[in-house]
């Protein structure tokens, strides 16, 4: 050890890295236009996070209720809404997508028709 300079604690670095990853995720999500959808994996790639679809899902499920981010535009790779069918969140996601002109049928969205391709 060189004994010089302060070191950043590992926990502080992890927090900073996690916060930076969330910033990247939120910035990518904010760009998804109304009337279009992305998959969790696609959003991870767009944000520069690699193969982090599950992490993206976790972060979106932890958004505050008053978030203005368009979380409802994110669906799974099969074109389905990922929240439990019939739940309050499921109904809200369906309603928000339909208000933007996205056709939702039985909790499913046509990816060929509505997927955002930046």
PDB file of N, CA and C in Angstrom:
ATOM      1  N   UNK A   1       0.830  -1.188   0.000  1.00  0.00           N
ATOM      2  CA  UNK A   1       0.000   0.000   0.000  1.00  0.00           C
ATOM      3  C   UNK A   1       0.869   1.245   0.000  1.00  0.00           C
ATOM      4  N   UNK A   2       0.423   2.239  -0.717  1.00  0.00           N
ATOM      5  CA  UNK A   2       1.225   3.445  -0.824  1.00  0.00           C
ATOM      6  C   UNK A   2       0.990   4.402   0.337  1.00  0.00           C
ATOM      7  N   UNK A   3      -0.096   4.242   1.059  1.00  0.00           N
ATOM      8  CA  UNK A   3      -0.360   5.061   2.228  1.00  0.00           C
ATOM      9  C   UNK A   3      -0.804   6.481   1.912  1.00  0.00           C
ATOM     10  N   UNK A   4      -0.816   6.863   0.653  1.00  0.00           N
ATOM     11  CA  UNK A   4      -1.174   8.232   0.304  1.00  0.00           C
ATOM     12  C   UNK A   4      -2.576   8.341  -0.248  1.00  0.00           C
ATOM     13  N   UNK A   5      -3.216   9.433   0.005  1.00  0.00           N
ATOM     14  CA  UNK A   5      -4.528   9.715  -0.578  1.00  0.00           C
ATOM     15  C   UNK A   5      -5.654   8.956   0.092  1.00  0.00           C
ATOM     16  N   UNK A   6      -6.808   9.538   0.026  1.00  0.00           N
ATOM     17  CA  UNK A   6      -7.993   8.909   0.602  1.00  0.00           C
ATOM     18  C   UNK A   6      -8.577   7.914  -0.389  1.00  0.00           C
ATOM     19  N   UNK A   7      -9.167   6.903   0.143  1.00  0.00           N
ATOM     20  CA  UNK A   7      -9.805   5.896  -0.703  1.00  0.00           C
ATOM     21  C   UNK A   7     -11.316   6.011  -0.569  1.00  0.00           C
ATOM     22  N   UNK A   8     -11.990   5.758  -1.651  1.00  0.00           N
ATOM     23  CA  UNK A   8     -13.447   5.757  -1.625  1.00  0.00           C
ATOM     24  C   UNK A   8     -13.900   4.410  -1.087  1.00  0.00           C
ATOM     25  N   UNK A   9     -14.706   4.410  -0.031  1.00  0.00           N
ATOM     26  CA  UNK A   9     -15.190   3.126   0.473  1.00  0.00           C
ATOM     27  C   UNK A   9     -15.960   2.385  -0.617  1.00  0.00           C
ATOM     28  N   UNK A  10     -15.863   1.074  -0.588  1.00  0.00           N
ATOM     29  CA  UNK A  10     -16.525   0.245  -1.595  1.00  0.00           C
ATOM     30  C   UNK A  10     -18.025   0.506  -1.599  1.00  0.00           C
ATOM     31  N   UNK A  11     -18.629   0.656  -0.436  1.00  0.00           N
ATOM     32  CA  UNK A  11     -20.080   0.882  -0.390  1.00  0.00           C
ATOM     33  C   UNK A  11     -20.460   2.202  -1.052  1.00  0.00           C
ATOM     34  N   UNK A  12     -19.632   3.225  -0.875  1.00  0.00           N
ATOM     35  CA  UNK A  12     -19.921   4.513  -1.515  1.00  0.00           C
ATOM     36  C   UNK A  12     -19.810   4.386  -3.026  1.00  0.00           C
ATOM     37  N   UNK A  13     -18.815   3.644  -3.498  1.00  0.00           N
ATOM     38  CA  UNK A  13     -18.645   3.438  -4.937  1.00  0.00           C
ATOM     39  C   UNK A  13     -19.836   2.675  -5.503  1.00  0.00           C
ATOM     40  N   UNK A  14     -20.282   1.642  -4.800  1.00  0.00           N
ATOM     41  CA  UNK A  14     -21.436   0.869  -5.272  1.00  0.00           C
ATOM     42  C   UNK A  14     -22.672   1.752  -5.359  1.00  0.00           C
ATOM     43  N   UNK A  15     -22.864   2.618  -4.355  1.00  0.00           N
ATOM     44  CA  UNK A  15     -24.016   3.513  -4.375  1.00  0.00           C
ATOM     45  C   UNK A  15     -23.926   4.457  -5.568  1.00  0.00           C
ATOM     46  N   UNK A  16     -22.741   5.010  -5.790  1.00  0.00           N
ATOM     47  CA  UNK A  16     -22.541   5.927  -6.911  1.00  0.00           C
ATOM     48  C   UNK A  16     -22.790   5.216  -8.233  1.00  0.00           C
ATOM     49  N   UNK A  17     -22.275   3.999  -8.368  1.00  0.00           N
ATOM     50  CA  UNK A  17     -22.486   3.227  -9.590  1.00  0.00           C
ATOM     51  C   UNK A  17     -23.970   2.931  -9.798  1.00  0.00           C
ATOM     52  N   UNK A  18     -24.657   2.541  -8.732  1.00  0.00           N
ATOM     53  CA  UNK A  18     -26.085   2.232  -8.840  1.00  0.00           C
ATOM     54  C   UNK A  18     -26.874   3.487  -9.199  1.00  0.00           C
ATOM     55  N   UNK A  19     -26.524   4.598  -8.580  1.00  0.00           N
ATOM     56  CA  UNK A  19     -27.219   5.855  -8.876  1.00  0.00           C
ATOM     57  C   UNK A  19     -26.979   6.254 -10.334  1.00  0.00           C
ATOM     58  N   UNK A  20     -25.766   6.075 -10.809  1.00  0.00           N
ATOM     59  CA  UNK A  20     -25.441   6.414 -12.203  1.00  0.00           C
ATOM     60  C   UNK A  20     -26.210   5.520 -13.164  1.00  0.00           C
ATOM     61  N   UNK A  21     -26.298   4.235 -12.851  1.00  0.00           N
ATOM     62  CA  UNK A  21     -27.050   3.301 -13.695  1.00  0.00           C
ATOM     63  C   UNK A  21     -28.524   3.709 -13.758  1.00  0.00           C
ATOM     64  N   UNK A  22     -29.084   4.099 -12.610  1.00  0.00           N
ATOM     65  CA  UNK A  22     -30.483   4.543 -12.593  1.00  0.00           C
ATOM     66  C   UNK A  22     -30.660   5.799 -13.441  1.00  0.00           C
ATOM     67  N   UNK A  23     -29.722   6.730 -13.343  1.00  0.00           N
ATOM     68  CA  UNK A  23     -29.792   7.948 -14.165  1.00  0.00           C
ATOM     69  C   UNK A  23     -29.801   7.600 -15.646  1.00  0.00           C
ATOM     70  N   UNK A  24     -28.944   6.668 -16.038  1.00  0.00           N
ATOM     71  CA  UNK A  24     -28.876   6.245 -17.439  1.00  0.00           C
ATOM     72  C   UNK A  24     -30.197   5.597 -17.863  1.00  0.00           C
ATOM     73  N   UNK A  25     -30.748   4.766 -16.979  1.00  0.00           N
ATOM     74  CA  UNK A  25     -32.023   4.106 -17.249  1.00  0.00           C
ATOM     75  C   UNK A  25     -33.133   5.139 -17.417  1.00  0.00           C
ATOM     76  N   UNK A  26     -33.236   6.056 -16.481  1.00  0.00           N
ATOM     77  CA  UNK A  26     -34.305   7.052 -16.516  1.00  0.00           C
ATOM     78  C   UNK A  26     -34.188   7.955 -17.745  1.00  0.00           C
ATOM     79  N   UNK A  27     -32.965   8.299 -18.122  1.00  0.00           N
ATOM     80  CA  UNK A  27     -32.764   9.138 -19.312  1.00  0.00           C
ATOM     81  C   UNK A  27     -33.228   8.414 -20.567  1.00  0.00           C
ATOM     82  N   UNK A  28     -32.929   7.125 -20.663  1.00  0.00           N
ATOM     83  CA  UNK A  28     -33.363   6.343 -21.831  1.00  0.00           C
ATOM     84  C   UNK A  28     -34.880   6.199 -21.843  1.00  0.00           C
ATOM     85  N   UNK A  29     -35.466   5.911 -20.694  1.00  0.00           N
ATOM     86  CA  UNK A  29     -36.915   5.738 -20.607  1.00  0.00           C
ATOM     87  C   UNK A  29     -37.646   7.025 -20.978  1.00  0.00           C
ATOM     88  N   UNK A  30     -37.123   8.149 -20.566  1.00  0.00           N
ATOM     89  CA  UNK A  30     -37.770   9.436 -20.846  1.00  0.00           C
ATOM     90  C   UNK A  30     -37.846   9.728 -22.341  1.00  0.00           C
ATOM     91  N   UNK A  31     -37.017   9.066 -23.132  1.00  0.00           N
ATOM     92  CA  UNK A  31     -37.004   9.309 -24.575  1.00  0.00           C
ATOM     93  C   UNK A  31     -38.011   8.460 -25.347  1.00  0.00           C
ATOM     94  N   UNK A  32     -38.586   7.451 -24.716  1.00  0.00           N
ATOM     95  CA  UNK A  32     -39.549   6.593 -25.413  1.00  0.00           C
ATOM     96  C   UNK A  32     -40.805   7.421 -25.684  1.00  0.00           C
ATOM     97  N   UNK A  33     -41.157   7.597 -26.953  1.00  0.00           N
ATOM     98  CA  UNK A  33     -42.280   8.481 -27.275  1.00  0.00           C
ATOM     99  C   UNK A  33     -43.645   7.858 -26.972  1.00  0.00           C
ATOM    100  N   UNK A  34     -44.608   8.722 -26.771  1.00  0.00           N
ATOM    101  CA  UNK A  34     -45.989   8.278 -26.585  1.00  0.00           C
ATOM    102  C   UNK A  34     -46.414   7.474 -27.807  1.00  0.00           C
ATOM    103  N   UNK A  35     -47.168   6.412 -27.568  1.00  0.00           N
ATOM    104  CA  UNK A  35     -47.640   5.575 -28.665  1.00  0.00           C
ATOM    105  C   UNK A  35     -46.671   4.482 -29.061  1.00  0.00           C
ATOM    106  N   UNK A  36     -45.555   4.385 -28.354  1.00  0.00           N
ATOM    107  CA  UNK A  36     -44.551   3.355 -28.620  1.00  0.00           C
ATOM    108  C   UNK A  36     -44.219   2.626 -27.328  1.00  0.00           C
ATOM    109  N   UNK A  37     -43.674   1.419 -27.454  1.00  0.00           N
ATOM    110  CA  UNK A  37     -43.253   0.639 -26.296  1.00  0.00           C
ATOM    111  C   UNK A  37     -41.843   0.107 -26.526  1.00  0.00           C
ATOM    112  N   UNK A  38     -41.198  -0.270 -25.434  1.00  0.00           N
ATOM    113  CA  UNK A  38     -39.912  -0.959 -25.477  1.00  0.00           C
ATOM    114  C   UNK A  38     -39.998  -2.141 -24.522  1.00  0.00           C
ATOM    115  N   UNK A  39     -39.128  -3.116 -24.727  1.00  0.00           N
ATOM    116  CA  UNK A  39     -39.047  -4.227 -23.784  1.00  0.00           C
ATOM    117  C   UNK A  39     -38.038  -3.866 -22.698  1.00  0.00           C
ATOM    118  N   UNK A  40     -38.075  -4.617 -21.605  1.00  0.00           N
ATOM    119  CA  UNK A  40     -37.125  -4.383 -20.518  1.00  0.00           C
ATOM    120  C   UNK A  40     -35.692  -4.526 -21.022  1.00  0.00           C
ATOM    121  N   UNK A  41     -35.434  -5.566 -21.792  1.00  0.00           N
ATOM    122  CA  UNK A  41     -34.099  -5.789 -22.329  1.00  0.00           C
ATOM    123  C   UNK A  41     -33.679  -4.707 -23.306  1.00  0.00           C
ATOM    124  N   UNK A  42     -34.607  -4.289 -24.147  1.00  0.00           N
ATOM    125  CA  UNK A  42     -34.314  -3.222 -25.107  1.00  0.00           C
ATOM    126  C   UNK A  42     -33.976  -1.931 -24.369  1.00  0.00           C
ATOM    127  N   UNK A  43     -34.726  -1.627 -23.318  1.00  0.00           N
ATOM    128  CA  UNK A  43     -34.467  -0.415 -22.547  1.00  0.00           C
ATOM    129  C   UNK A  43     -33.093  -0.482 -21.889  1.00  0.00           C
ATOM    130  N   UNK A  44     -32.732  -1.644 -21.371  1.00  0.00           N
ATOM    131  CA  UNK A  44     -31.401  -1.811 -20.776  1.00  0.00           C
ATOM    132  C   UNK A  44     -30.321  -1.526 -21.815  1.00  0.00           C
ATOM    133  N   UNK A  45     -30.490  -2.068 -23.010  1.00  0.00           N
ATOM    134  CA  UNK A  45     -29.515  -1.837 -24.089  1.00  0.00           C
ATOM    135  C   UNK A  45     -29.468  -0.357 -24.477  1.00  0.00           C
ATOM    136  N   UNK A  46     -30.628   0.270 -24.619  1.00  0.00           N
ATOM    137  CA  UNK A  46     -30.680   1.689 -24.986  1.00  0.00           C
ATOM    138  C   UNK A  46     -29.984   2.568 -23.947  1.00  0.00           C
ATOM    139  N   UNK A  47     -30.062   2.144 -22.689  1.00  0.00           N
ATOM    140  CA  UNK A  47     -29.448   2.906 -21.602  1.00  0.00           C
ATOM    141  C   UNK A  47     -27.958   2.613 -21.459  1.00  0.00           C
ATOM    142  N   UNK A  48     -27.454   1.677 -22.255  1.00  0.00           N
ATOM    143  CA  UNK A  48     -26.042   1.321 -22.160  1.00  0.00           C
ATOM    144  C   UNK A  48     -25.732   0.417 -20.993  1.00  0.00           C
ATOM    145  N   UNK A  49     -26.730  -0.347 -20.553  1.00  0.00           N
ATOM    146  CA  UNK A  49     -26.574  -1.204 -19.380  1.00  0.00           C
ATOM    147  C   UNK A  49     -26.389  -2.673 -19.730  1.00  0.00           C
ATOM    148  N   UNK A  50     -26.303  -2.973 -21.004  1.00  0.00           N
ATOM    149  CA  UNK A  50     -26.112  -4.364 -21.412  1.00  0.00           C
ATOM    150  C   UNK A  50     -27.346  -5.208 -21.157  1.00  0.00           C
ATOM    151  N   UNK A  51     -27.097  -6.437 -20.743  1.00  0.00           N
ATOM    152  CA  UNK A  51     -28.186  -7.391 -20.519  1.00  0.00           C
ATOM    153  C   UNK A  51     -28.681  -7.286 -19.075  1.00  0.00           C
ATOM    154  N   UNK A  52     -29.477  -6.287 -18.816  1.00  0.00           N
ATOM    155  CA  UNK A  52     -29.923  -6.012 -17.452  1.00  0.00           C
ATOM    156  C   UNK A  52     -31.437  -5.880 -17.366  1.00  0.00           C
ATOM    157  N   UNK A  53     -32.157  -6.703 -18.122  1.00  0.00           N
ATOM    158  CA  UNK A  53     -33.620  -6.595 -18.170  1.00  0.00           C
ATOM    159  C   UNK A  53     -34.255  -6.747 -16.792  1.00  0.00           C
ATOM    160  N   UNK A  54     -33.795  -7.710 -16.018  1.00  0.00           N
ATOM    161  CA  UNK A  54     -34.391  -7.910 -14.684  1.00  0.00           C
ATOM    162  C   UNK A  54     -34.120  -6.722 -13.772  1.00  0.00           C
ATOM    163  N   UNK A  55     -32.911  -6.190 -13.858  1.00  0.00           N
ATOM    164  CA  UNK A  55     -32.566  -5.023 -13.044  1.00  0.00           C
ATOM    165  C   UNK A  55     -33.470  -3.852 -13.430  1.00  0.00           C
ATOM    166  N   UNK A  56     -33.704  -3.669 -14.722  1.00  0.00           N
ATOM    167  CA  UNK A  56     -34.595  -2.607 -15.196  1.00  0.00           C
ATOM    168  C   UNK A  56     -35.986  -2.793 -14.589  1.00  0.00           C
ATOM    169  N   UNK A  57     -36.500  -4.011 -14.623  1.00  0.00           N
ATOM    170  CA  UNK A  57     -37.812  -4.287 -14.046  1.00  0.00           C
ATOM    171  C   UNK A  57     -37.879  -3.944 -12.572  1.00  0.00           C
ATOM    172  N   UNK A  58     -36.830  -4.293 -11.849  1.00  0.00           N
ATOM    173  CA  UNK A  58     -36.777  -3.984 -10.418  1.00  0.00           C
ATOM    174  C   UNK A  58     -36.794  -2.481 -10.189  1.00  0.00           C
ATOM    175  N   UNK A  59     -36.002  -1.760 -10.958  1.00  0.00           N
ATOM    176  CA  UNK A  59     -35.949  -0.302 -10.792  1.00  0.00           C
ATOM    177  C   UNK A  59     -37.294   0.342 -11.109  1.00  0.00           C
ATOM    178  N   UNK A  60     -37.947  -0.125 -12.153  1.00  0.00           N
ATOM    179  CA  UNK A  60     -39.245   0.454 -12.519  1.00  0.00           C
ATOM    180  C   UNK A  60     -40.305   0.132 -11.472  1.00  0.00           C
ATOM    181  N   UNK A  61     -40.225  -1.050 -10.879  1.00  0.00           N
ATOM    182  CA  UNK A  61     -41.213  -1.408  -9.853  1.00  0.00           C
ATOM    183  C   UNK A  61     -41.020  -0.588  -8.583  1.00  0.00           C
ATOM    184  N   UNK A  62     -39.855   0.023  -8.428  1.00  0.00           N
ATOM    185  CA  UNK A  62     -39.569   0.833  -7.246  1.00  0.00           C
ATOM    186  C   UNK A  62     -39.717   2.334  -7.483  1.00  0.00           C
ATOM    187  N   UNK A  63     -40.228   2.717  -8.647  1.00  0.00           N
ATOM    188  CA  UNK A  63     -40.440   4.146  -8.900  1.00  0.00           C
ATOM    189  C   UNK A  63     -41.473   4.696  -7.921  1.00  0.00           C
ATOM    190  N   UNK A  64     -41.308   5.935  -7.489  1.00  0.00           N
ATOM    191  CA  UNK A  64     -42.331   6.527  -6.623  1.00  0.00           C
ATOM    192  C   UNK A  64     -43.652   6.680  -7.377  1.00  0.00           C
ATOM    193  N   UNK A  65     -44.736   6.659  -6.643  1.00  0.00           N
ATOM    194  CA  UNK A  65     -46.064   6.758  -7.256  1.00  0.00           C
ATOM    195  C   UNK A  65     -46.240   8.023  -8.089  1.00  0.00           C
ATOM    196  N   UNK A  66     -45.558   9.091  -7.713  1.00  0.00           N
ATOM    197  CA  UNK A  66     -45.720  10.357  -8.433  1.00  0.00           C
ATOM    198  C   UNK A  66     -44.690  10.551  -9.551  1.00  0.00           C
ATOM    199  N   UNK A  67     -43.993   9.485  -9.925  1.00  0.00           N
ATOM    200  CA  UNK A  67     -42.991   9.589 -10.989  1.00  0.00           C
ATOM    201  C   UNK A  67     -43.650   9.990 -12.302  1.00  0.00           C
ATOM    202  N   UNK A  68     -42.971  10.856 -13.032  1.00  0.00           N
ATOM    203  CA  UNK A  68     -43.476  11.292 -14.336  1.00  0.00           C
ATOM    204  C   UNK A  68     -42.864  10.481 -15.475  1.00  0.00           C
ATOM    205  N   UNK A  69     -42.012   9.525 -15.143  1.00  0.00           N
ATOM    206  CA  UNK A  69     -41.408   8.682 -16.172  1.00  0.00           C
ATOM    207  C   UNK A  69     -42.470   7.771 -16.789  1.00  0.00           C
ATOM    208  N   UNK A  70     -42.394   7.521 -18.082  1.00  0.00           N
ATOM    209  CA  UNK A  70     -43.404   6.693 -18.762  1.00  0.00           C
ATOM    210  C   UNK A  70     -43.168   5.190 -18.584  1.00  0.00           C
ATOM    211  N   UNK A  71     -43.228   4.720 -17.341  1.00  0.00           N
ATOM    212  CA  UNK A  71     -42.999   3.312 -17.009  1.00  0.00           C
ATOM    213  C   UNK A  71     -43.952   2.397 -17.766  1.00  0.00           C
ATOM    214  N   UNK A  72     -45.122   2.922 -18.085  1.00  0.00           N
ATOM    215  CA  UNK A  72     -46.157   2.110 -18.738  1.00  0.00           C
ATOM    216  C   UNK A  72     -45.773   1.707 -20.157  1.00  0.00           C
ATOM    217  N   UNK A  73     -44.758   2.325 -20.723  1.00  0.00           N
ATOM    218  CA  UNK A  73     -44.322   2.013 -22.093  1.00  0.00           C
ATOM    219  C   UNK A  73     -43.326   0.855 -22.141  1.00  0.00           C
ATOM    220  N   UNK A  74     -43.096   0.208 -21.016  1.00  0.00           N
ATOM    221  CA  UNK A  74     -42.144  -0.904 -20.949  1.00  0.00           C
ATOM    222  C   UNK A  74     -42.918  -2.202 -20.729  1.00  0.00           C
ATOM    223  N   UNK A  75     -42.681  -3.166 -21.621  1.00  0.00           N
ATOM    224  CA  UNK A  75     -43.368  -4.455 -21.563  1.00  0.00           C
ATOM    225  C   UNK A  75     -42.334  -5.571 -21.698  1.00  0.00           C
ATOM    226  N   UNK A  76     -42.778  -6.817 -21.548  1.00  0.00           N
ATOM    227  CA  UNK A  76     -41.804  -7.902 -21.645  1.00  0.00           C
ATOM    228  C   UNK A  76     -41.544  -8.295 -23.095  1.00  0.00           C
ATOM    229  N   UNK A  77     -40.578  -9.173 -23.284  1.00  0.00           N
ATOM    230  CA  UNK A  77     -40.137  -9.522 -24.643  1.00  0.00           C
ATOM    231  C   UNK A  77     -41.190 -10.267 -25.452  1.00  0.00           C
ATOM    232  N   UNK A  78     -42.205 -10.798 -24.788  1.00  0.00           N
ATOM    233  CA  UNK A  78     -43.299 -11.474 -25.489  1.00  0.00           C
ATOM    234  C   UNK A  78     -44.414 -10.496 -25.862  1.00  0.00           C
ATOM    235  N   UNK A  79     -44.244  -9.221 -25.498  1.00  0.00           N
ATOM    236  CA  UNK A  79     -45.255  -8.222 -25.805  1.00  0.00           C
ATOM    237  C   UNK A  79     -46.345  -8.124 -24.756  1.00  0.00           C
ATOM    238  N   UNK A  80     -46.117  -8.729 -23.615  1.00  0.00           N
ATOM    239  CA  UNK A  80     -47.123  -8.724 -22.542  1.00  0.00           C
ATOM    240  C   UNK A  80     -46.783  -7.709 -21.455  1.00  0.00           C
ATOM    241  N   UNK A  81     -47.830  -7.218 -20.798  1.00  0.00           N
ATOM    242  CA  UNK A  81     -47.632  -6.396 -19.614  1.00  0.00           C
ATOM    243  C   UNK A  81     -47.113  -7.327 -18.522  1.00  0.00           C
ATOM    244  N   UNK A  82     -46.179  -6.862 -17.726  1.00  0.00           N
ATOM    245  CA  UNK A  82     -45.542  -7.745 -16.749  1.00  0.00           C
ATOM    246  C   UNK A  82     -46.128  -7.671 -15.351  1.00  0.00           C
ATOM    247  N   UNK A  83     -46.968  -6.705 -15.102  1.00  0.00           N
ATOM    248  CA  UNK A  83     -47.596  -6.622 -13.781  1.00  0.00           C
ATOM    249  C   UNK A  83     -48.748  -7.622 -13.727  1.00  0.00           C
ATOM    250  N   UNK A  84     -49.150  -8.052 -12.522  1.00  0.00           N
ATOM    251  CA  UNK A  84     -50.218  -9.056 -12.417  1.00  0.00           C
ATOM    252  C   UNK A  84     -51.515  -8.615 -13.103  1.00  0.00           C
ATOM    253  N   UNK A  85     -52.029  -9.489 -13.943  1.00  0.00           N
ATOM    254  CA  UNK A  85     -53.251  -9.192 -14.690  1.00  0.00           C
ATOM    255  C   UNK A  85     -54.397  -8.869 -13.748  1.00  0.00           C
ATOM    256  N   UNK A  86     -55.104  -7.792 -14.064  1.00  0.00           N
ATOM    257  CA  UNK A  86     -56.248  -7.370 -13.271  1.00  0.00           C
ATOM    258  C   UNK A  86     -55.894  -6.490 -12.085  1.00  0.00           C
ATOM    259  N   UNK A  87     -54.599  -6.357 -11.787  1.00  0.00           N
ATOM    260  CA  UNK A  87     -54.182  -5.516 -10.661  1.00  0.00           C
ATOM    261  C   UNK A  87     -54.393  -4.042 -11.007  1.00  0.00           C
ATOM    262  N   UNK A  88     -54.309  -3.205  -9.999  1.00  0.00           N
ATOM    263  CA  UNK A  88     -54.458  -1.764 -10.215  1.00  0.00           C
ATOM    264  C   UNK A  88     -53.397  -1.254 -11.194  1.00  0.00           C
ATOM    265  N   UNK A  89     -52.171  -1.740 -11.045  1.00  0.00           N
ATOM    266  CA  UNK A  89     -51.086  -1.322 -11.947  1.00  0.00           C
ATOM    267  C   UNK A  89     -51.340  -1.793 -13.369  1.00  0.00           C
ATOM    268  N   UNK A  90     -51.862  -3.003 -13.514  1.00  0.00           N
ATOM    269  CA  UNK A  90     -52.162  -3.560 -14.837  1.00  0.00           C
ATOM    270  C   UNK A  90     -53.226  -2.708 -15.530  1.00  0.00           C
ATOM    271  N   UNK A  91     -54.280  -2.388 -14.788  1.00  0.00           N
ATOM    272  CA  UNK A  91     -55.354  -1.567 -15.348  1.00  0.00           C
ATOM    273  C   UNK A  91     -54.843  -0.174 -15.720  1.00  0.00           C
ATOM    274  N   UNK A  92     -53.979   0.390 -14.863  1.00  0.00           N
ATOM    275  CA  UNK A  92     -53.423   1.711 -15.152  1.00  0.00           C
ATOM    276  C   UNK A  92     -52.531   1.673 -16.388  1.00  0.00           C
ATOM    277  N   UNK A  93     -51.708   0.623 -16.504  1.00  0.00           N
ATOM    278  CA  UNK A  93     -50.830   0.512 -17.667  1.00  0.00           C
ATOM    279  C   UNK A  93     -51.651   0.375 -18.945  1.00  0.00           C
ATOM    280  N   UNK A  94     -52.672  -0.460 -18.915  1.00  0.00           N
ATOM    281  CA  UNK A  94     -53.558  -0.607 -20.082  1.00  0.00           C
ATOM    282  C   UNK A  94     -54.175   0.730 -20.461  1.00  0.00           C
ATOM    283  N   UNK A  95     -54.701   1.429 -19.477  1.00  0.00           N
ATOM    284  CA  UNK A  95     -55.363   2.707 -19.734  1.00  0.00           C
ATOM    285  C   UNK A  95     -54.395   3.734 -20.317  1.00  0.00           C
ATOM    286  N   UNK A  96     -53.211   3.835 -19.733  1.00  0.00           N
ATOM    287  CA  UNK A  96     -52.232   4.810 -20.222  1.00  0.00           C
ATOM    288  C   UNK A  96     -51.816   4.499 -21.657  1.00  0.00           C
ATOM    289  N   UNK A  97     -51.557   3.228 -21.946  1.00  0.00           N
ATOM    290  CA  UNK A  97     -51.165   2.851 -23.306  1.00  0.00           C
ATOM    291  C   UNK A  97     -52.288   3.141 -24.290  1.00  0.00           C
ATOM    292  N   UNK A  98     -53.502   2.783 -23.930  1.00  0.00           N
ATOM    293  CA  UNK A  98     -54.644   3.023 -24.821  1.00  0.00           C
ATOM    294  C   UNK A  98     -54.857   4.514 -25.071  1.00  0.00           C
ATOM    295  N   UNK A  99     -54.648   5.338 -24.048  1.00  0.00           N
ATOM    296  CA  UNK A  99     -54.780   6.791 -24.216  1.00  0.00           C
ATOM    297  C   UNK A  99     -53.751   7.338 -25.196  1.00  0.00           C
ATOM    298  N   UNK A 100     -52.648   6.610 -25.371  1.00  0.00           N
ATOM    299  CA  UNK A 100     -51.609   7.020 -26.316  1.00  0.00           C
ATOM    300  C   UNK A 100     -51.788   6.370 -27.684  1.00  0.00           C
ATOM    301  N   UNK A 101     -52.876   5.617 -27.844  1.00  0.00           N
ATOM    302  CA  UNK A 101     -53.159   4.999 -29.129  1.00  0.00           C
ATOM    303  C   UNK A 101     -52.596   3.604 -29.316  1.00  0.00           C
ATOM    304  N   UNK A 102     -52.060   3.019 -28.249  1.00  0.00           N
ATOM    305  CA  UNK A 102     -51.513   1.663 -28.321  1.00  0.00           C
ATOM    306  C   UNK A 102     -52.643   0.676 -28.050  1.00  0.00           C
ATOM    307  N   UNK A 103     -52.828  -0.264 -28.957  1.00  0.00           N
ATOM    308  CA  UNK A 103     -53.867  -1.273 -28.786  1.00  0.00           C
ATOM    309  C   UNK A 103     -53.356  -2.351 -27.830  1.00  0.00           C
ATOM    310  N   UNK A 104     -54.099  -2.565 -26.750  1.00  0.00           N
ATOM    311  CA  UNK A 104     -53.770  -3.599 -25.770  1.00  0.00           C
ATOM    312  C   UNK A 104     -54.903  -4.606 -25.795  1.00  0.00           C
ATOM    313  N   UNK A 105     -54.574  -5.853 -26.073  1.00  0.00           N
ATOM    314  CA  UNK A 105     -55.578  -6.908 -26.142  1.00  0.00           C
ATOM    315  C   UNK A 105     -55.156  -8.057 -25.237  1.00  0.00           C
ATOM    316  N   UNK A 106     -55.969  -8.336 -24.227  1.00  0.00           N
ATOM    317  CA  UNK A 106     -55.663  -9.394 -23.260  1.00  0.00           C
ATOM    318  C   UNK A 106     -54.282  -9.210 -22.640  1.00  0.00           C
ATOM    319  N   UNK A 107     -53.939  -7.968 -22.353  1.00  0.00           N
ATOM    320  CA  UNK A 107     -52.657  -7.680 -21.725  1.00  0.00           C
ATOM    321  C   UNK A 107     -51.466  -7.799 -22.648  1.00  0.00           C
ATOM    322  N   UNK A 108     -51.723  -7.782 -23.930  1.00  0.00           N
ATOM    323  CA  UNK A 108     -50.656  -7.957 -24.922  1.00  0.00           C
ATOM    324  C   UNK A 108     -50.643  -6.789 -25.909  1.00  0.00           C
ATOM    325  N   UNK A 109     -49.424  -6.427 -26.348  1.00  0.00           N
ATOM    326  CA  UNK A 109     -49.205  -5.352 -27.312  1.00  0.00           C
ATOM    327  C   UNK A 109     -48.438  -5.939 -28.491  1.00  0.00           C
ATOM    328  N   UNK A 110     -48.783  -5.541 -29.692  1.00  0.00           N
ATOM    329  CA  UNK A 110     -48.066  -6.006 -30.883  1.00  0.00           C
ATOM    330  C   UNK A 110     -46.711  -5.299 -30.973  1.00  0.00           C
ATOM    331  N   UNK A 111     -45.639  -6.048 -30.708  1.00  0.00           N
ATOM    332  CA  UNK A 111     -44.304  -5.454 -30.798  1.00  0.00           C
ATOM    333  C   UNK A 111     -43.950  -5.015 -32.215  1.00  0.00           C
ATOM    334  N   UNK A 112     -44.283  -5.810 -33.252  1.00  0.00           N
ATOM    335  CA  UNK A 112     -43.958  -5.329 -34.598  1.00  0.00           C
ATOM    336  C   UNK A 112     -44.614  -3.979 -34.926  1.00  0.00           C
ATOM    337  N   UNK A 113     -45.761  -3.747 -34.372  1.00  0.00           N
ATOM    338  CA  UNK A 113     -46.489  -2.506 -34.668  1.00  0.00           C
ATOM    339  C   UNK A 113     -46.077  -1.335 -33.778  1.00  0.00           C
ATOM    340  N   UNK A 114     -45.841  -1.592 -32.491  1.00  0.00           N
ATOM    341  CA  UNK A 114     -45.657  -0.500 -31.542  1.00  0.00           C
ATOM    342  C   UNK A 114     -44.248  -0.365 -30.961  1.00  0.00           C
ATOM    343  N   UNK A 115     -43.357  -1.303 -31.260  1.00  0.00           N
ATOM    344  CA  UNK A 115     -42.005  -1.209 -30.686  1.00  0.00           C
ATOM    345  C   UNK A 115     -41.294   0.038 -31.205  1.00  0.00           C
ATOM    346  N   UNK A 116     -40.682   0.756 -30.282  1.00  0.00           N
ATOM    347  CA  UNK A 116     -39.902   1.935 -30.645  1.00  0.00           C
ATOM    348  C   UNK A 116     -38.541   1.500 -31.155  1.00  0.00           C
ATOM    349  N   UNK A 117     -38.186   1.990 -32.318  1.00  0.00           N
ATOM    350  CA  UNK A 117     -36.872   1.726 -32.911  1.00  0.00           C
ATOM    351  C   UNK A 117     -36.175   3.068 -33.112  1.00  0.00           C
ATOM    352  N   UNK A 118     -35.396   3.507 -32.127  1.00  0.00           N
ATOM    353  CA  UNK A 118     -34.745   4.829 -32.250  1.00  0.00           C
ATOM    354  C   UNK A 118     -33.729   4.869 -33.379  1.00  0.00           C
TER     355      UNK A 118
END
